[in-house]
N, C-alpha and C. Protein backbone atom coordinates (compact mmCIF):
# COMPACT_ATOMS: atom_id res chain seq x y z
N MET A 1 0.85 -1.18 0.00
CA MET A 1 0.00 0.00 0.00
C MET A 1 0.89 1.24 0.00
N SER A 2 0.63 2.13 -0.91
CA SER A 2 1.42 3.35 -1.04
C SER A 2 0.88 4.44 -0.11
N THR A 3 1.78 5.16 0.52
CA THR A 3 1.37 6.26 1.38
C THR A 3 1.71 7.60 0.75
N ALA A 4 2.19 7.58 -0.49
CA ALA A 4 2.54 8.82 -1.18
C ALA A 4 1.29 9.61 -1.50
N LEU A 5 1.38 10.90 -1.35
CA LEU A 5 0.27 11.78 -1.69
C LEU A 5 0.26 12.04 -3.18
N PRO A 6 -0.93 12.30 -3.75
CA PRO A 6 -0.97 12.67 -5.16
C PRO A 6 -0.14 13.95 -5.37
N GLN A 7 0.45 14.09 -6.52
CA GLN A 7 1.33 15.22 -6.80
C GLN A 7 0.63 16.57 -6.59
N TRP A 8 -0.66 16.65 -6.93
CA TRP A 8 -1.35 17.93 -6.81
C TRP A 8 -1.48 18.42 -5.37
N MET A 9 -1.31 17.54 -4.38
CA MET A 9 -1.45 17.93 -2.98
C MET A 9 -0.22 18.68 -2.46
N TYR A 10 0.85 18.67 -3.20
CA TYR A 10 2.05 19.38 -2.79
C TYR A 10 1.96 20.84 -3.23
N PRO A 11 2.35 21.79 -2.38
CA PRO A 11 2.26 23.21 -2.76
C PRO A 11 3.06 23.48 -4.04
N PRO A 12 2.55 24.36 -4.88
CA PRO A 12 3.20 24.61 -6.17
C PRO A 12 4.45 25.49 -6.07
N ARG A 13 4.76 25.99 -4.87
CA ARG A 13 5.95 26.84 -4.69
C ARG A 13 6.45 26.66 -3.27
N ASP A 14 7.69 27.05 -3.03
CA ASP A 14 8.30 26.90 -1.70
C ASP A 14 7.56 27.71 -0.64
N SER A 15 6.96 28.82 -1.02
CA SER A 15 6.25 29.67 -0.05
C SER A 15 4.85 29.13 0.26
N GLY A 16 4.45 28.03 -0.36
CA GLY A 16 3.18 27.39 -0.03
C GLY A 16 2.06 27.73 -1.00
N TRP A 17 0.87 27.41 -0.55
CA TRP A 17 -0.34 27.61 -1.36
C TRP A 17 -0.77 29.06 -1.34
N GLU A 18 -1.40 29.48 -2.44
CA GLU A 18 -2.01 30.80 -2.53
C GLU A 18 -3.45 30.64 -3.02
N ALA A 19 -4.26 31.64 -2.77
CA ALA A 19 -5.70 31.55 -3.04
C ALA A 19 -6.01 31.17 -4.49
N ASP A 20 -5.30 31.74 -5.43
CA ASP A 20 -5.59 31.45 -6.84
C ASP A 20 -5.23 30.02 -7.24
N ASP A 21 -4.41 29.35 -6.45
CA ASP A 21 -4.03 27.96 -6.77
C ASP A 21 -5.23 27.01 -6.73
N LEU A 22 -6.27 27.35 -5.98
CA LEU A 22 -7.43 26.45 -5.90
C LEU A 22 -8.08 26.27 -7.26
N ASP A 23 -7.99 27.28 -8.12
CA ASP A 23 -8.58 27.16 -9.46
C ASP A 23 -7.78 26.23 -10.36
N LEU A 24 -6.60 25.83 -9.94
CA LEU A 24 -5.74 24.99 -10.77
C LEU A 24 -5.74 23.52 -10.33
N LEU A 25 -6.52 23.20 -9.31
CA LEU A 25 -6.58 21.81 -8.84
C LEU A 25 -7.22 20.92 -9.90
N PRO A 26 -6.81 19.66 -9.97
CA PRO A 26 -7.38 18.77 -10.98
C PRO A 26 -8.83 18.39 -10.67
N ALA A 27 -9.50 17.90 -11.68
CA ALA A 27 -10.91 17.53 -11.54
C ALA A 27 -11.13 16.43 -10.51
N ASP A 28 -10.12 15.60 -10.24
CA ASP A 28 -10.30 14.51 -9.28
C ASP A 28 -10.00 14.93 -7.83
N ALA A 29 -9.69 16.20 -7.62
CA ALA A 29 -9.49 16.70 -6.25
C ALA A 29 -10.84 16.75 -5.54
N PRO A 30 -10.85 16.64 -4.22
CA PRO A 30 -12.12 16.75 -3.49
C PRO A 30 -12.83 18.06 -3.84
N ARG A 31 -14.14 18.02 -3.86
CA ARG A 31 -14.94 19.18 -4.28
C ARG A 31 -14.83 20.35 -3.30
N HIS A 32 -14.80 20.07 -2.03
CA HIS A 32 -14.81 21.14 -1.02
C HIS A 32 -13.42 21.27 -0.39
N ILE A 33 -12.64 22.22 -0.89
CA ILE A 33 -11.32 22.51 -0.35
C ILE A 33 -11.27 24.00 -0.04
N GLU A 34 -10.82 24.32 1.16
CA GLU A 34 -10.63 25.71 1.55
C GLU A 34 -9.14 25.95 1.74
N LEU A 35 -8.75 27.21 1.65
CA LEU A 35 -7.38 27.58 1.97
C LEU A 35 -7.46 28.58 3.12
N LEU A 36 -6.85 28.22 4.25
CA LEU A 36 -6.86 29.10 5.43
C LEU A 36 -5.42 29.33 5.85
N ASP A 37 -4.97 30.55 5.73
CA ASP A 37 -3.58 30.92 6.04
C ASP A 37 -2.58 30.01 5.34
N GLY A 38 -2.83 29.69 4.09
CA GLY A 38 -1.91 28.89 3.29
C GLY A 38 -2.03 27.39 3.48
N ALA A 39 -2.95 26.94 4.33
CA ALA A 39 -3.13 25.50 4.57
C ALA A 39 -4.40 25.02 3.88
N LEU A 40 -4.27 23.92 3.13
CA LEU A 40 -5.44 23.32 2.51
C LEU A 40 -6.28 22.63 3.58
N ILE A 41 -7.57 22.88 3.57
CA ILE A 41 -8.51 22.23 4.48
C ILE A 41 -9.48 21.43 3.61
N PHE A 42 -9.50 20.13 3.84
CA PHE A 42 -10.38 19.25 3.07
C PHE A 42 -11.65 19.00 3.88
N ASN A 43 -12.78 19.34 3.33
CA ASN A 43 -14.07 19.09 3.97
C ASN A 43 -14.63 17.80 3.39
N MET A 44 -14.08 16.69 3.86
CA MET A 44 -14.42 15.40 3.26
C MET A 44 -15.32 14.54 4.14
N SER A 45 -15.55 14.95 5.38
CA SER A 45 -16.40 14.11 6.22
C SER A 45 -17.84 14.22 5.72
N PRO A 46 -18.60 13.15 5.80
CA PRO A 46 -19.99 13.19 5.33
C PRO A 46 -20.79 14.22 6.12
N GLN A 47 -21.56 15.02 5.42
CA GLN A 47 -22.41 16.00 6.09
C GLN A 47 -23.74 15.34 6.44
N ARG A 48 -24.28 15.76 7.57
CA ARG A 48 -25.60 15.29 7.98
C ARG A 48 -26.66 15.88 7.06
N SER A 49 -27.76 15.19 6.92
CA SER A 49 -28.88 15.70 6.13
C SER A 49 -29.34 17.05 6.65
N TRP A 50 -29.32 17.23 7.97
CA TRP A 50 -29.73 18.50 8.59
C TRP A 50 -28.91 19.65 8.02
N HIS A 51 -27.60 19.49 7.96
CA HIS A 51 -26.70 20.53 7.46
C HIS A 51 -27.04 20.89 6.01
N ASP A 52 -27.20 19.90 5.18
CA ASP A 52 -27.53 20.13 3.77
C ASP A 52 -28.88 20.81 3.62
N ARG A 53 -29.86 20.36 4.37
CA ARG A 53 -31.21 20.92 4.27
C ARG A 53 -31.22 22.39 4.68
N VAL A 54 -30.54 22.72 5.77
CA VAL A 54 -30.49 24.12 6.22
C VAL A 54 -29.85 25.00 5.14
N ILE A 55 -28.75 24.53 4.56
CA ILE A 55 -28.09 25.31 3.50
C ILE A 55 -29.02 25.51 2.31
N ARG A 56 -29.65 24.45 1.85
CA ARG A 56 -30.53 24.55 0.67
C ARG A 56 -31.71 25.46 0.93
N ARG A 57 -32.34 25.32 2.07
CA ARG A 57 -33.54 26.12 2.35
C ARG A 57 -33.19 27.58 2.61
N LEU A 58 -32.07 27.82 3.27
CA LEU A 58 -31.65 29.21 3.49
C LEU A 58 -31.29 29.87 2.16
N THR A 59 -30.59 29.14 1.30
CA THR A 59 -30.23 29.68 -0.01
C THR A 59 -31.49 30.08 -0.78
N THR A 60 -32.48 29.22 -0.78
CA THR A 60 -33.74 29.51 -1.48
C THR A 60 -34.43 30.72 -0.86
N ALA A 61 -34.49 30.78 0.46
CA ALA A 61 -35.14 31.92 1.13
C ALA A 61 -34.43 33.23 0.81
N LEU A 62 -33.10 33.21 0.82
CA LEU A 62 -32.34 34.42 0.51
C LEU A 62 -32.48 34.83 -0.95
N GLU A 63 -32.58 33.86 -1.85
CA GLU A 63 -32.76 34.19 -3.27
C GLU A 63 -34.07 34.95 -3.50
N THR A 64 -35.09 34.64 -2.72
CA THR A 64 -36.38 35.31 -2.91
C THR A 64 -36.38 36.75 -2.41
N VAL A 65 -35.44 37.11 -1.53
CA VAL A 65 -35.43 38.47 -0.96
C VAL A 65 -34.22 39.30 -1.38
N ALA A 66 -33.28 38.69 -2.07
CA ALA A 66 -32.09 39.43 -2.49
C ALA A 66 -32.47 40.51 -3.50
N PRO A 67 -31.85 41.68 -3.41
CA PRO A 67 -32.14 42.74 -4.37
C PRO A 67 -31.82 42.31 -5.80
N PRO A 68 -32.50 42.88 -6.79
CA PRO A 68 -32.18 42.57 -8.18
C PRO A 68 -30.70 42.82 -8.46
N GLY A 69 -30.09 41.90 -9.19
CA GLY A 69 -28.68 42.04 -9.53
C GLY A 69 -27.73 41.48 -8.48
N TRP A 70 -28.28 40.99 -7.37
CA TRP A 70 -27.44 40.36 -6.35
C TRP A 70 -27.45 38.85 -6.57
N THR A 71 -26.46 38.18 -5.99
CA THR A 71 -26.30 36.75 -6.16
C THR A 71 -26.29 36.06 -4.80
N VAL A 72 -26.95 34.94 -4.71
CA VAL A 72 -26.90 34.08 -3.52
C VAL A 72 -26.27 32.76 -3.97
N GLU A 73 -25.22 32.35 -3.29
CA GLU A 73 -24.51 31.12 -3.66
C GLU A 73 -24.30 30.25 -2.43
N ALA A 74 -24.33 28.96 -2.63
CA ALA A 74 -24.01 28.01 -1.57
C ALA A 74 -22.65 27.40 -1.88
N GLN A 75 -21.81 27.34 -0.87
CA GLN A 75 -20.53 26.64 -0.91
C GLN A 75 -19.64 27.09 -2.08
N THR A 76 -19.46 28.40 -2.17
CA THR A 76 -18.54 29.01 -3.12
C THR A 76 -17.51 29.79 -2.31
N THR A 77 -16.27 29.77 -2.73
CA THR A 77 -15.21 30.38 -1.94
C THR A 77 -15.18 31.90 -2.05
N VAL A 78 -14.54 32.51 -1.04
CA VAL A 78 -14.31 33.95 -1.01
C VAL A 78 -12.80 34.15 -0.85
N LYS A 79 -12.20 34.85 -1.79
CA LYS A 79 -10.76 35.12 -1.71
C LYS A 79 -10.55 36.31 -0.78
N LEU A 80 -10.20 36.01 0.47
CA LEU A 80 -10.04 37.06 1.48
C LEU A 80 -8.71 37.79 1.32
N ASN A 81 -7.69 37.03 0.98
CA ASN A 81 -6.35 37.60 0.77
C ASN A 81 -5.54 36.57 -0.01
N ARG A 82 -4.27 36.82 -0.16
CA ARG A 82 -3.42 35.95 -0.98
C ARG A 82 -3.35 34.52 -0.45
N ARG A 83 -3.53 34.32 0.87
CA ARG A 83 -3.34 32.99 1.46
C ARG A 83 -4.57 32.41 2.13
N SER A 84 -5.73 33.07 1.96
CA SER A 84 -6.96 32.54 2.57
C SER A 84 -8.13 32.65 1.60
N ARG A 85 -8.77 31.50 1.41
CA ARG A 85 -9.94 31.42 0.53
C ARG A 85 -10.92 30.40 1.11
N PRO A 86 -11.65 30.81 2.16
CA PRO A 86 -12.60 29.88 2.79
C PRO A 86 -13.84 29.68 1.91
N GLU A 87 -14.59 28.66 2.27
CA GLU A 87 -15.83 28.33 1.57
C GLU A 87 -17.00 28.40 2.56
N PRO A 88 -17.61 29.59 2.69
CA PRO A 88 -18.78 29.68 3.57
C PRO A 88 -19.90 28.79 3.04
N ASP A 89 -20.83 28.43 3.91
CA ASP A 89 -21.94 27.60 3.46
C ASP A 89 -22.87 28.36 2.53
N VAL A 90 -23.11 29.64 2.81
CA VAL A 90 -23.95 30.49 1.95
C VAL A 90 -23.35 31.88 1.94
N ILE A 91 -23.42 32.55 0.79
CA ILE A 91 -23.04 33.95 0.73
C ILE A 91 -24.12 34.73 -0.03
N VAL A 92 -24.22 36.01 0.30
CA VAL A 92 -25.03 36.95 -0.46
C VAL A 92 -24.06 37.99 -0.97
N ALA A 93 -24.02 38.15 -2.29
CA ALA A 93 -23.07 39.08 -2.91
C ALA A 93 -23.82 40.15 -3.69
N SER A 94 -23.27 41.34 -3.68
CA SER A 94 -23.92 42.49 -4.32
C SER A 94 -23.51 42.62 -5.79
N VAL A 95 -23.28 41.50 -6.43
CA VAL A 95 -22.90 41.47 -7.85
C VAL A 95 -23.80 40.47 -8.57
N PRO A 96 -23.96 40.65 -9.89
CA PRO A 96 -24.82 39.71 -10.63
C PRO A 96 -24.19 38.32 -10.78
N TYR A 97 -25.03 37.38 -11.05
CA TYR A 97 -24.63 35.99 -11.28
C TYR A 97 -23.71 35.91 -12.50
N GLU A 98 -22.63 35.16 -12.34
CA GLU A 98 -21.71 34.86 -13.45
C GLU A 98 -21.49 33.36 -13.45
N PRO A 99 -21.90 32.65 -14.50
CA PRO A 99 -21.85 31.19 -14.48
C PRO A 99 -20.45 30.60 -14.34
N GLU A 100 -19.41 31.29 -14.74
CA GLU A 100 -18.06 30.75 -14.67
C GLU A 100 -17.29 31.17 -13.41
N ARG A 101 -17.93 31.89 -12.53
CA ARG A 101 -17.27 32.38 -11.32
C ARG A 101 -16.90 31.23 -10.40
N THR A 102 -15.69 31.29 -9.84
CA THR A 102 -15.23 30.27 -8.89
C THR A 102 -15.02 30.86 -7.50
N ARG A 103 -15.06 32.18 -7.37
CA ARG A 103 -14.83 32.83 -6.08
C ARG A 103 -15.39 34.24 -6.11
N PHE A 104 -15.56 34.77 -4.92
CA PHE A 104 -15.98 36.15 -4.74
C PHE A 104 -14.88 36.89 -4.00
N LEU A 105 -14.90 38.20 -4.07
CA LEU A 105 -13.99 39.05 -3.31
C LEU A 105 -14.75 39.65 -2.14
N PRO A 106 -14.07 39.97 -1.04
CA PRO A 106 -14.77 40.51 0.13
C PRO A 106 -15.61 41.76 -0.17
N SER A 107 -15.13 42.61 -1.07
CA SER A 107 -15.87 43.83 -1.40
C SER A 107 -17.20 43.53 -2.08
N GLU A 108 -17.36 42.32 -2.60
CA GLU A 108 -18.60 41.92 -3.28
C GLU A 108 -19.56 41.21 -2.33
N VAL A 109 -19.09 40.81 -1.16
CA VAL A 109 -19.88 39.96 -0.27
C VAL A 109 -20.52 40.80 0.84
N ALA A 110 -21.85 40.75 0.90
CA ALA A 110 -22.59 41.48 1.93
C ALA A 110 -22.83 40.61 3.17
N LEU A 111 -22.85 39.29 2.98
CA LEU A 111 -23.19 38.37 4.06
C LEU A 111 -22.51 37.03 3.83
N VAL A 112 -21.92 36.48 4.89
CA VAL A 112 -21.46 35.09 4.89
C VAL A 112 -22.25 34.34 5.96
N VAL A 113 -22.57 33.09 5.65
CA VAL A 113 -23.31 32.25 6.59
C VAL A 113 -22.53 30.96 6.77
N GLU A 114 -22.31 30.59 8.02
CA GLU A 114 -21.70 29.30 8.36
C GLU A 114 -22.73 28.47 9.10
N VAL A 115 -22.99 27.27 8.59
CA VAL A 115 -23.86 26.31 9.25
C VAL A 115 -22.92 25.33 9.95
N VAL A 116 -22.91 25.36 11.25
CA VAL A 116 -21.91 24.64 12.03
C VAL A 116 -22.16 23.14 11.99
N SER A 117 -21.09 22.40 11.74
CA SER A 117 -21.14 20.94 11.80
C SER A 117 -20.06 20.49 12.78
N ALA A 118 -20.11 19.25 13.20
CA ALA A 118 -19.13 18.74 14.16
C ALA A 118 -17.71 18.89 13.63
N GLU A 119 -17.52 18.67 12.34
CA GLU A 119 -16.20 18.72 11.72
C GLU A 119 -15.64 20.14 11.66
N SER A 120 -16.52 21.14 11.59
CA SER A 120 -16.05 22.51 11.37
C SER A 120 -16.33 23.47 12.51
N GLU A 121 -16.77 22.98 13.65
CA GLU A 121 -17.26 23.91 14.67
C GLU A 121 -16.20 24.90 15.15
N ASP A 122 -14.97 24.49 15.36
CA ASP A 122 -13.96 25.45 15.81
C ASP A 122 -13.67 26.49 14.73
N ARG A 123 -13.56 26.06 13.49
CA ARG A 123 -13.33 27.02 12.41
C ARG A 123 -14.50 27.98 12.27
N ASP A 124 -15.74 27.45 12.31
CA ASP A 124 -16.92 28.29 12.10
C ASP A 124 -17.18 29.25 13.26
N ARG A 125 -16.88 28.84 14.47
CA ARG A 125 -17.17 29.68 15.64
C ARG A 125 -16.04 30.64 15.98
N ARG A 126 -14.80 30.22 15.82
CA ARG A 126 -13.69 31.01 16.34
C ARG A 126 -12.75 31.57 15.27
N TYR A 127 -12.45 30.77 14.28
CA TYR A 127 -11.39 31.16 13.35
C TYR A 127 -11.90 31.99 12.16
N LYS A 128 -12.88 31.47 11.45
CA LYS A 128 -13.37 32.16 10.26
C LYS A 128 -13.97 33.54 10.54
N PRO A 129 -14.71 33.72 11.64
CA PRO A 129 -15.22 35.08 11.88
C PRO A 129 -14.12 36.14 11.90
N GLY A 130 -12.97 35.83 12.47
CA GLY A 130 -11.86 36.79 12.48
C GLY A 130 -11.36 37.08 11.08
N LEU A 131 -11.26 36.05 10.25
CA LEU A 131 -10.84 36.26 8.86
C LEU A 131 -11.84 37.11 8.10
N TYR A 132 -13.13 36.81 8.28
CA TYR A 132 -14.17 37.58 7.57
C TYR A 132 -14.17 39.04 8.04
N ALA A 133 -14.02 39.25 9.33
CA ALA A 133 -13.98 40.62 9.85
C ALA A 133 -12.76 41.37 9.33
N ASP A 134 -11.61 40.74 9.36
CA ASP A 134 -10.39 41.38 8.84
C ASP A 134 -10.54 41.77 7.37
N ALA A 135 -11.31 41.00 6.63
CA ALA A 135 -11.52 41.28 5.21
C ALA A 135 -12.60 42.34 4.98
N GLY A 136 -13.32 42.72 6.05
CA GLY A 136 -14.32 43.78 5.93
C GLY A 136 -15.70 43.34 5.50
N ILE A 137 -16.01 42.04 5.62
CA ILE A 137 -17.36 41.57 5.27
C ILE A 137 -18.32 42.01 6.38
N ARG A 138 -19.35 42.77 6.01
CA ARG A 138 -20.21 43.46 6.98
C ARG A 138 -21.04 42.54 7.87
N HIS A 139 -21.56 41.45 7.32
CA HIS A 139 -22.52 40.64 8.08
C HIS A 139 -22.12 39.16 8.08
N LEU A 140 -22.31 38.55 9.23
CA LEU A 140 -22.04 37.12 9.42
C LEU A 140 -23.23 36.53 10.17
N TRP A 141 -23.72 35.42 9.67
CA TRP A 141 -24.72 34.63 10.38
C TRP A 141 -24.12 33.26 10.63
N ARG A 142 -24.29 32.76 11.85
CA ARG A 142 -23.83 31.41 12.20
C ARG A 142 -25.05 30.62 12.66
N ILE A 143 -25.26 29.47 12.08
CA ILE A 143 -26.44 28.66 12.40
C ILE A 143 -25.97 27.41 13.14
N GLU A 144 -26.54 27.22 14.31
CA GLU A 144 -26.21 26.09 15.18
C GLU A 144 -27.40 25.14 15.27
N ASP A 145 -27.12 23.89 15.53
CA ASP A 145 -28.15 22.87 15.72
C ASP A 145 -28.40 22.71 17.21
N GLU A 146 -29.60 23.08 17.66
CA GLU A 146 -30.01 22.86 19.05
C GLU A 146 -31.15 21.86 19.05
N GLN A 147 -30.83 20.61 19.29
CA GLN A 147 -31.79 19.52 19.36
C GLN A 147 -32.62 19.43 18.08
N GLY A 148 -31.93 19.56 16.94
CA GLY A 148 -32.58 19.43 15.65
C GLY A 148 -33.16 20.70 15.08
N LEU A 149 -33.19 21.77 15.88
CA LEU A 149 -33.74 23.03 15.40
C LEU A 149 -32.61 24.04 15.16
N PRO A 150 -32.68 24.77 14.05
CA PRO A 150 -31.66 25.78 13.78
C PRO A 150 -31.82 26.98 14.71
N VAL A 151 -30.70 27.46 15.22
CA VAL A 151 -30.65 28.70 15.98
C VAL A 151 -29.68 29.60 15.23
N VAL A 152 -30.14 30.81 14.91
CA VAL A 152 -29.36 31.71 14.08
C VAL A 152 -28.74 32.80 14.95
N HIS A 153 -27.41 32.91 14.90
CA HIS A 153 -26.66 33.95 15.59
C HIS A 153 -26.26 34.97 14.52
N THR A 154 -26.67 36.23 14.70
CA THR A 154 -26.37 37.26 13.70
C THR A 154 -25.34 38.24 14.26
N TYR A 155 -24.45 38.69 13.36
CA TYR A 155 -23.36 39.59 13.73
C TYR A 155 -23.22 40.67 12.67
N GLU A 156 -22.73 41.83 13.11
CA GLU A 156 -22.43 42.93 12.20
C GLU A 156 -21.04 43.45 12.54
N LEU A 157 -20.33 43.88 11.52
CA LEU A 157 -18.98 44.38 11.70
C LEU A 157 -19.02 45.76 12.36
N ASP A 158 -18.28 45.91 13.45
CA ASP A 158 -18.16 47.18 14.16
C ASP A 158 -16.98 47.93 13.55
N ASP A 159 -17.26 49.09 12.97
CA ASP A 159 -16.19 49.85 12.29
C ASP A 159 -15.12 50.35 13.27
N THR A 160 -15.48 50.56 14.51
CA THR A 160 -14.52 51.06 15.49
C THR A 160 -13.50 50.00 15.87
N THR A 161 -13.97 48.80 16.14
CA THR A 161 -13.07 47.73 16.59
C THR A 161 -12.59 46.83 15.45
N GLY A 162 -13.30 46.83 14.33
CA GLY A 162 -12.96 45.92 13.24
C GLY A 162 -13.32 44.48 13.54
N ALA A 163 -14.17 44.26 14.55
CA ALA A 163 -14.60 42.92 14.93
C ALA A 163 -16.12 42.84 14.83
N TYR A 164 -16.63 41.61 14.81
CA TYR A 164 -18.08 41.43 14.79
C TYR A 164 -18.66 41.63 16.17
N VAL A 165 -19.85 42.24 16.20
CA VAL A 165 -20.63 42.34 17.42
C VAL A 165 -21.94 41.59 17.19
N ALA A 166 -22.41 40.93 18.22
CA ALA A 166 -23.65 40.16 18.11
C ALA A 166 -24.82 41.12 17.97
N THR A 167 -25.73 40.79 17.05
CA THR A 167 -26.94 41.59 16.88
C THR A 167 -28.19 40.79 17.21
N GLY A 168 -28.03 39.50 17.50
CA GLY A 168 -29.19 38.72 17.91
C GLY A 168 -28.93 37.23 17.89
N VAL A 169 -29.76 36.53 18.68
CA VAL A 169 -29.82 35.08 18.67
C VAL A 169 -31.29 34.75 18.41
N HIS A 170 -31.55 34.05 17.31
CA HIS A 170 -32.92 33.87 16.84
C HIS A 170 -33.33 32.40 16.92
N ARG A 171 -34.31 32.12 17.79
CA ARG A 171 -34.81 30.76 17.94
C ARG A 171 -36.23 30.63 17.40
N ASP A 172 -37.10 31.56 17.74
CA ASP A 172 -38.51 31.45 17.36
C ASP A 172 -38.83 32.18 16.06
N ARG A 173 -38.43 33.43 15.99
CA ARG A 173 -38.69 34.25 14.80
C ARG A 173 -37.40 34.95 14.44
N TRP A 174 -37.14 35.01 13.17
CA TRP A 174 -35.91 35.59 12.68
C TRP A 174 -36.28 36.70 11.75
N SER A 175 -36.17 37.93 12.22
CA SER A 175 -36.55 39.07 11.41
C SER A 175 -35.36 40.01 11.36
N VAL A 176 -34.72 40.08 10.19
CA VAL A 176 -33.56 40.93 10.01
C VAL A 176 -33.78 41.81 8.78
N ALA A 177 -33.14 42.97 8.79
CA ALA A 177 -33.25 43.88 7.66
C ALA A 177 -31.93 44.05 6.93
N ALA A 178 -30.84 43.67 7.56
CA ALA A 178 -29.54 43.90 6.93
C ALA A 178 -28.80 42.58 6.82
N PRO A 179 -28.17 42.32 5.75
CA PRO A 179 -28.10 43.11 4.53
C PRO A 179 -29.30 42.91 3.61
N VAL A 180 -30.15 41.93 3.91
CA VAL A 180 -31.40 41.73 3.17
C VAL A 180 -32.52 41.57 4.18
N ARG A 181 -33.74 41.91 3.77
CA ARG A 181 -34.89 41.77 4.67
C ARG A 181 -35.39 40.33 4.62
N LEU A 182 -35.34 39.67 5.76
CA LEU A 182 -35.75 38.27 5.85
C LEU A 182 -36.56 38.10 7.12
N ASP A 183 -37.71 37.47 7.00
CA ASP A 183 -38.58 37.24 8.15
C ASP A 183 -39.10 35.82 8.05
N LEU A 184 -38.60 34.94 8.92
CA LEU A 184 -39.06 33.56 8.94
C LEU A 184 -38.74 32.93 10.27
N SER A 185 -39.24 31.75 10.45
CA SER A 185 -38.92 30.95 11.63
C SER A 185 -37.71 30.10 11.29
N PRO A 186 -36.66 30.11 12.12
CA PRO A 186 -35.51 29.24 11.83
C PRO A 186 -35.92 27.77 11.66
N ALA A 187 -36.99 27.35 12.34
CA ALA A 187 -37.43 25.95 12.23
C ALA A 187 -37.81 25.60 10.79
N GLU A 188 -38.23 26.60 10.00
CA GLU A 188 -38.58 26.36 8.60
C GLU A 188 -37.40 25.83 7.79
N LEU A 189 -36.18 26.10 8.24
CA LEU A 189 -35.00 25.68 7.52
C LEU A 189 -34.72 24.19 7.65
N ALA A 190 -35.24 23.55 8.68
CA ALA A 190 -34.92 22.14 8.92
C ALA A 190 -36.11 21.21 8.82
N ARG A 191 -37.24 21.72 8.45
CA ARG A 191 -38.43 20.84 8.32
C ARG A 191 -38.33 19.94 7.13
């Protein structure tokens, strides 16, 4: 049994991986790969049906309320800087749909959403919010599973501190106006 890694898994330069390198990966590479501070992160563990359902239903709900000319995407990367290109679960971008797009820039992203799973909880709760804030993305929503029901934690970027501040924890009714107007029950996302 060989323990050698496929050639594509080795960084293309001595200084390591860069965000644009993700577009050069071969077709047989895993579908969900993020780059965080120059390190490849493989999201290969099986996702629970709950996680997938919340992403799909939230994407659909956001598509119905997004302003004309805006784009809602699930599991598309955001190039935060030269060495970080995470893949939020959902994004809302203030640019039109482009079928060949492989990434967004922070200046185009109005909202990132992370749906927390067991495999990604530390990254989604502690690490990625700092990266998103440093990049200037105005809004972050984090969705947690509480006994099968989604709980939505909403955050907005504080211009004074450059960090996110909590704007709400939504269990029963979720009514937000920024960056898009959305009014629903979080439970609707997992039914």
